[in-house]
Amino acid sequence: MKTHEIRELTVEELQSRSRELKQQMMHLRIQKATGQMENKSAISHLKTEVARILTILQERHLGIRQTAANGATAPAEKKATKAKAPAAKKAE
């Protein structure tokens, strides 16, 4: 799943997807231990997808990215920074 596709899912869908992927990883580990595993890179791909999901969940929890009304995501607004006063000129 691509990142933009993952961002379109709700929090509940992301959590259930994460659980499903973790179960798949467990089954692949069992297959690896018994020597039945054919695709050795599958565990790595699942780990990457779980990490993407958890990152997006954390972004939403912290408010880093907010979901817009139309379903698109946008970065959260930055806090206004205080403008620095111009440095005083040295008197000669």
N, C-alpha and C. Protein backbone atom coordinates (compact mmCIF):
# COMPACT_ATOMS: atom_id res chain seq x y z
N MET A 1 0.83 -1.17 0.00
CA MET A 1 0.00 0.00 0.00
C MET A 1 0.88 1.24 0.00
N LYS A 2 0.53 2.18 -0.82
CA LYS A 2 1.29 3.43 -0.89
C LYS A 2 0.93 4.32 0.29
N THR A 3 1.80 5.26 0.60
CA THR A 3 1.60 6.15 1.74
C THR A 3 0.35 6.99 1.57
N HIS A 4 0.10 7.51 0.38
CA HIS A 4 -1.09 8.34 0.19
C HIS A 4 -2.37 7.51 0.35
N GLU A 5 -2.32 6.22 0.02
CA GLU A 5 -3.47 5.35 0.23
C GLU A 5 -3.70 5.10 1.72
N ILE A 6 -2.62 4.95 2.46
CA ILE A 6 -2.71 4.71 3.90
C ILE A 6 -3.28 5.94 4.59
N ARG A 7 -2.88 7.13 4.16
CA ARG A 7 -3.36 8.37 4.77
C ARG A 7 -4.87 8.56 4.60
N GLU A 8 -5.46 7.94 3.61
CA GLU A 8 -6.89 8.06 3.37
C GLU A 8 -7.72 7.21 4.33
N LEU A 9 -7.11 6.25 5.03
CA LEU A 9 -7.83 5.36 5.92
C LEU A 9 -8.11 6.04 7.26
N THR A 10 -9.13 5.57 7.95
CA THR A 10 -9.45 6.10 9.28
C THR A 10 -8.53 5.46 10.30
N VAL A 11 -8.56 5.99 11.52
CA VAL A 11 -7.70 5.47 12.59
C VAL A 11 -8.05 4.01 12.89
N GLU A 12 -9.34 3.70 12.93
CA GLU A 12 -9.77 2.33 13.21
C GLU A 12 -9.29 1.36 12.12
N GLU A 13 -9.39 1.81 10.87
CA GLU A 13 -8.93 0.97 9.76
C GLU A 13 -7.42 0.77 9.82
N LEU A 14 -6.69 1.81 10.20
CA LEU A 14 -5.24 1.69 10.31
C LEU A 14 -4.85 0.72 11.42
N GLN A 15 -5.55 0.79 12.54
CA GLN A 15 -5.24 -0.11 13.65
C GLN A 15 -5.54 -1.56 13.29
N SER A 16 -6.65 -1.80 12.62
CA SER A 16 -6.98 -3.18 12.23
C SER A 16 -5.99 -3.68 11.18
N ARG A 17 -5.61 -2.81 10.25
CA ARG A 17 -4.62 -3.19 9.22
C ARG A 17 -3.28 -3.53 9.86
N SER A 18 -2.90 -2.78 10.87
CA SER A 18 -1.65 -3.04 11.59
C SER A 18 -1.69 -4.41 12.26
N ARG A 19 -2.82 -4.73 12.90
CA ARG A 19 -2.97 -6.04 13.54
C ARG A 19 -2.88 -7.17 12.52
N GLU A 20 -3.54 -6.99 11.37
CA GLU A 20 -3.51 -8.01 10.32
C GLU A 20 -2.08 -8.25 9.83
N LEU A 21 -1.35 -7.17 9.61
CA LEU A 21 0.02 -7.30 9.11
C LEU A 21 0.92 -7.98 10.13
N LYS A 22 0.72 -7.67 11.40
CA LYS A 22 1.53 -8.31 12.45
C LYS A 22 1.23 -9.80 12.52
N GLN A 23 -0.03 -10.20 12.30
CA GLN A 23 -0.36 -11.62 12.27
C GLN A 23 0.30 -12.30 11.08
N GLN A 24 0.29 -11.62 9.94
CA GLN A 24 0.95 -12.18 8.75
C GLN A 24 2.44 -12.35 9.00
N MET A 25 3.06 -11.38 9.68
CA MET A 25 4.49 -11.51 10.00
C MET A 25 4.74 -12.71 10.90
N MET A 26 3.86 -12.92 11.87
CA MET A 26 4.02 -14.07 12.76
C MET A 26 3.96 -15.38 11.96
N HIS A 27 3.00 -15.48 11.04
CA HIS A 27 2.89 -16.69 10.22
C HIS A 27 4.13 -16.88 9.34
N LEU A 28 4.65 -15.77 8.81
CA LEU A 28 5.86 -15.88 7.99
C LEU A 28 7.06 -16.30 8.81
N ARG A 29 7.15 -15.83 10.05
CA ARG A 29 8.25 -16.26 10.93
C ARG A 29 8.18 -17.75 11.21
N ILE A 30 6.95 -18.24 11.39
CA ILE A 30 6.78 -19.68 11.62
C ILE A 30 7.20 -20.45 10.38
N GLN A 31 6.80 -19.97 9.21
CA GLN A 31 7.21 -20.62 7.96
C GLN A 31 8.72 -20.59 7.80
N LYS A 32 9.34 -19.49 8.19
CA LYS A 32 10.80 -19.38 8.08
C LYS A 32 11.48 -20.38 9.01
N ALA A 33 10.95 -20.53 10.21
CA ALA A 33 11.55 -21.44 11.18
C ALA A 33 11.40 -22.90 10.74
N THR A 34 10.32 -23.23 10.06
CA THR A 34 10.10 -24.60 9.62
C THR A 34 10.67 -24.87 8.23
N GLY A 35 11.21 -23.85 7.59
CA GLY A 35 11.83 -24.02 6.29
C GLY A 35 10.84 -24.03 5.14
N GLN A 36 9.63 -23.55 5.34
CA GLN A 36 8.61 -23.55 4.30
C GLN A 36 8.49 -22.21 3.59
N MET A 37 9.25 -21.24 4.00
CA MET A 37 9.12 -19.89 3.46
C MET A 37 9.73 -19.80 2.06
N GLU A 38 8.96 -19.28 1.11
CA GLU A 38 9.44 -19.14 -0.26
C GLU A 38 9.99 -17.75 -0.52
N ASN A 39 9.26 -16.72 -0.09
CA ASN A 39 9.65 -15.34 -0.34
C ASN A 39 10.31 -14.77 0.92
N LYS A 40 11.62 -14.73 0.93
CA LYS A 40 12.33 -14.31 2.12
C LYS A 40 12.27 -12.81 2.38
N SER A 41 11.90 -12.03 1.39
CA SER A 41 11.81 -10.58 1.57
C SER A 41 10.43 -10.14 2.06
N ALA A 42 9.50 -11.06 2.19
CA ALA A 42 8.12 -10.71 2.57
C ALA A 42 8.07 -10.10 3.97
N ILE A 43 8.86 -10.63 4.90
CA ILE A 43 8.86 -10.10 6.27
C ILE A 43 9.33 -8.65 6.26
N SER A 44 10.34 -8.36 5.49
CA SER A 44 10.87 -7.01 5.40
C SER A 44 9.82 -6.04 4.86
N HIS A 45 9.09 -6.46 3.84
CA HIS A 45 8.05 -5.61 3.26
C HIS A 45 6.92 -5.35 4.27
N LEU A 46 6.56 -6.38 5.03
CA LEU A 46 5.51 -6.22 6.03
C LEU A 46 5.96 -5.27 7.15
N LYS A 47 7.21 -5.40 7.56
CA LYS A 47 7.74 -4.51 8.59
C LYS A 47 7.68 -3.05 8.14
N THR A 48 8.03 -2.82 6.88
CA THR A 48 8.01 -1.47 6.33
C THR A 48 6.60 -0.91 6.31
N GLU A 49 5.63 -1.74 5.92
CA GLU A 49 4.25 -1.25 5.86
C GLU A 49 3.70 -0.99 7.27
N VAL A 50 4.04 -1.84 8.23
CA VAL A 50 3.62 -1.60 9.61
C VAL A 50 4.23 -0.29 10.11
N ALA A 51 5.49 -0.05 9.80
CA ALA A 51 6.14 1.19 10.22
C ALA A 51 5.46 2.41 9.61
N ARG A 52 5.06 2.33 8.34
CA ARG A 52 4.33 3.44 7.71
C ARG A 52 3.02 3.72 8.43
N ILE A 53 2.29 2.65 8.73
CA ILE A 53 1.00 2.80 9.41
C ILE A 53 1.19 3.42 10.79
N LEU A 54 2.16 2.91 11.54
CA LEU A 54 2.39 3.43 12.88
C LEU A 54 2.85 4.89 12.85
N THR A 55 3.62 5.25 11.84
CA THR A 55 4.06 6.64 11.70
C THR A 55 2.88 7.56 11.44
N ILE A 56 1.98 7.14 10.57
CA ILE A 56 0.80 7.96 10.26
C ILE A 56 -0.11 8.07 11.47
N LEU A 57 -0.27 6.97 12.22
CA LEU A 57 -1.07 7.01 13.45
C LEU A 57 -0.46 8.00 14.45
N GLN A 58 0.86 7.98 14.57
CA GLN A 58 1.54 8.89 15.50
C GLN A 58 1.40 10.34 15.04
N GLU A 59 1.51 10.58 13.74
CA GLU A 59 1.32 11.93 13.21
C GLU A 59 -0.06 12.46 13.56
N ARG A 60 -1.06 11.62 13.40
CA ARG A 60 -2.42 12.04 13.72
C ARG A 60 -2.60 12.28 15.20
N HIS A 61 -1.98 11.43 16.01
CA HIS A 61 -2.08 11.59 17.47
C HIS A 61 -1.45 12.91 17.92
N LEU A 62 -0.31 13.24 17.35
CA LEU A 62 0.40 14.47 17.72
C LEU A 62 -0.13 15.70 17.00
N GLY A 63 -0.96 15.51 16.00
CA GLY A 63 -1.51 16.63 15.26
C GLY A 63 -0.53 17.20 14.25
N ILE A 64 0.44 16.43 13.85
CA ILE A 64 1.42 16.90 12.86
C ILE A 64 0.76 17.06 11.50
N ARG A 65 -0.05 16.10 11.13
CA ARG A 65 -0.81 16.17 9.88
C ARG A 65 -2.27 16.08 10.24
N GLN A 66 -3.06 16.92 9.60
CA GLN A 66 -4.49 16.91 9.85
C GLN A 66 -5.21 16.54 8.57
N THR A 67 -6.31 15.84 8.71
CA THR A 67 -7.10 15.46 7.55
C THR A 67 -8.04 16.61 7.22
N ALA A 68 -7.98 17.08 6.00
CA ALA A 68 -8.84 18.17 5.56
C ALA A 68 -10.25 17.64 5.31
N ALA A 69 -11.20 18.53 5.13
CA ALA A 69 -12.60 18.15 4.93
C ALA A 69 -12.79 17.32 3.67
N ASN A 70 -12.00 17.58 2.64
CA ASN A 70 -12.15 16.86 1.38
C ASN A 70 -11.41 15.52 1.37
N GLY A 71 -10.81 15.13 2.49
CA GLY A 71 -10.11 13.86 2.57
C GLY A 71 -8.62 13.98 2.33
N ALA A 72 -8.17 15.11 1.82
CA ALA A 72 -6.74 15.31 1.60
C ALA A 72 -6.08 15.67 2.92
N THR A 73 -4.84 15.32 3.05
CA THR A 73 -4.13 15.66 4.27
C THR A 73 -3.25 16.86 4.04
N ALA A 74 -3.12 17.65 5.06
CA ALA A 74 -2.30 18.85 4.97
C ALA A 74 -1.47 18.96 6.23
N PRO A 75 -0.28 19.52 6.13
CA PRO A 75 0.52 19.69 7.34
C PRO A 75 -0.18 20.65 8.29
N ALA A 76 -0.02 20.40 9.56
CA ALA A 76 -0.61 21.28 10.56
C ALA A 76 0.03 22.65 10.46
N GLU A 77 -0.72 23.67 10.82
CA GLU A 77 -0.19 25.02 10.74
C GLU A 77 0.93 25.20 11.75
N LYS A 78 1.95 25.92 11.33
CA LYS A 78 3.06 26.20 12.23
C LYS A 78 2.68 27.34 13.16
N LYS A 79 3.22 27.27 14.36
CA LYS A 79 2.96 28.34 15.30
C LYS A 79 3.70 29.59 14.84
N ALA A 80 3.10 30.71 15.10
CA ALA A 80 3.72 31.98 14.71
C ALA A 80 4.98 32.18 15.54
N THR A 81 6.04 32.55 14.88
CA THR A 81 7.28 32.80 15.60
C THR A 81 7.42 34.28 15.85
N LYS A 82 8.06 34.59 16.91
CA LYS A 82 8.26 35.99 17.28
C LYS A 82 9.35 36.58 16.39
N ALA A 83 9.06 37.70 15.79
CA ALA A 83 10.04 38.34 14.92
C ALA A 83 11.16 38.93 15.78
N LYS A 84 12.36 38.74 15.32
CA LYS A 84 13.50 39.28 16.05
C LYS A 84 13.63 40.77 15.78
N ALA A 85 14.00 41.48 16.81
CA ALA A 85 14.21 42.91 16.67
C ALA A 85 15.51 43.12 15.93
N PRO A 86 15.58 44.16 15.11
CA PRO A 86 16.83 44.41 14.38
C PRO A 86 17.94 44.73 15.36
N ALA A 87 19.11 44.27 15.02
CA ALA A 87 20.26 44.48 15.90
C ALA A 87 20.61 45.97 15.95
N ALA A 88 20.95 46.42 17.12
CA ALA A 88 21.31 47.86 17.29
C ALA A 88 22.67 48.10 16.65
N LYS A 89 22.80 49.25 15.98
CA LYS A 89 24.06 49.58 15.34
C LYS A 89 25.02 50.12 16.41
N LYS A 90 26.25 49.75 16.20
CA LYS A 90 27.28 50.22 17.15
C LYS A 90 27.56 51.71 16.90
N ALA A 91 27.66 52.44 17.97
CA ALA A 91 28.00 53.87 17.85
C ALA A 91 29.49 53.99 17.63
N GLU A 92 29.86 54.87 16.77
CA GLU A 92 31.29 55.06 16.50
C GLU A 92 31.85 56.21 17.25
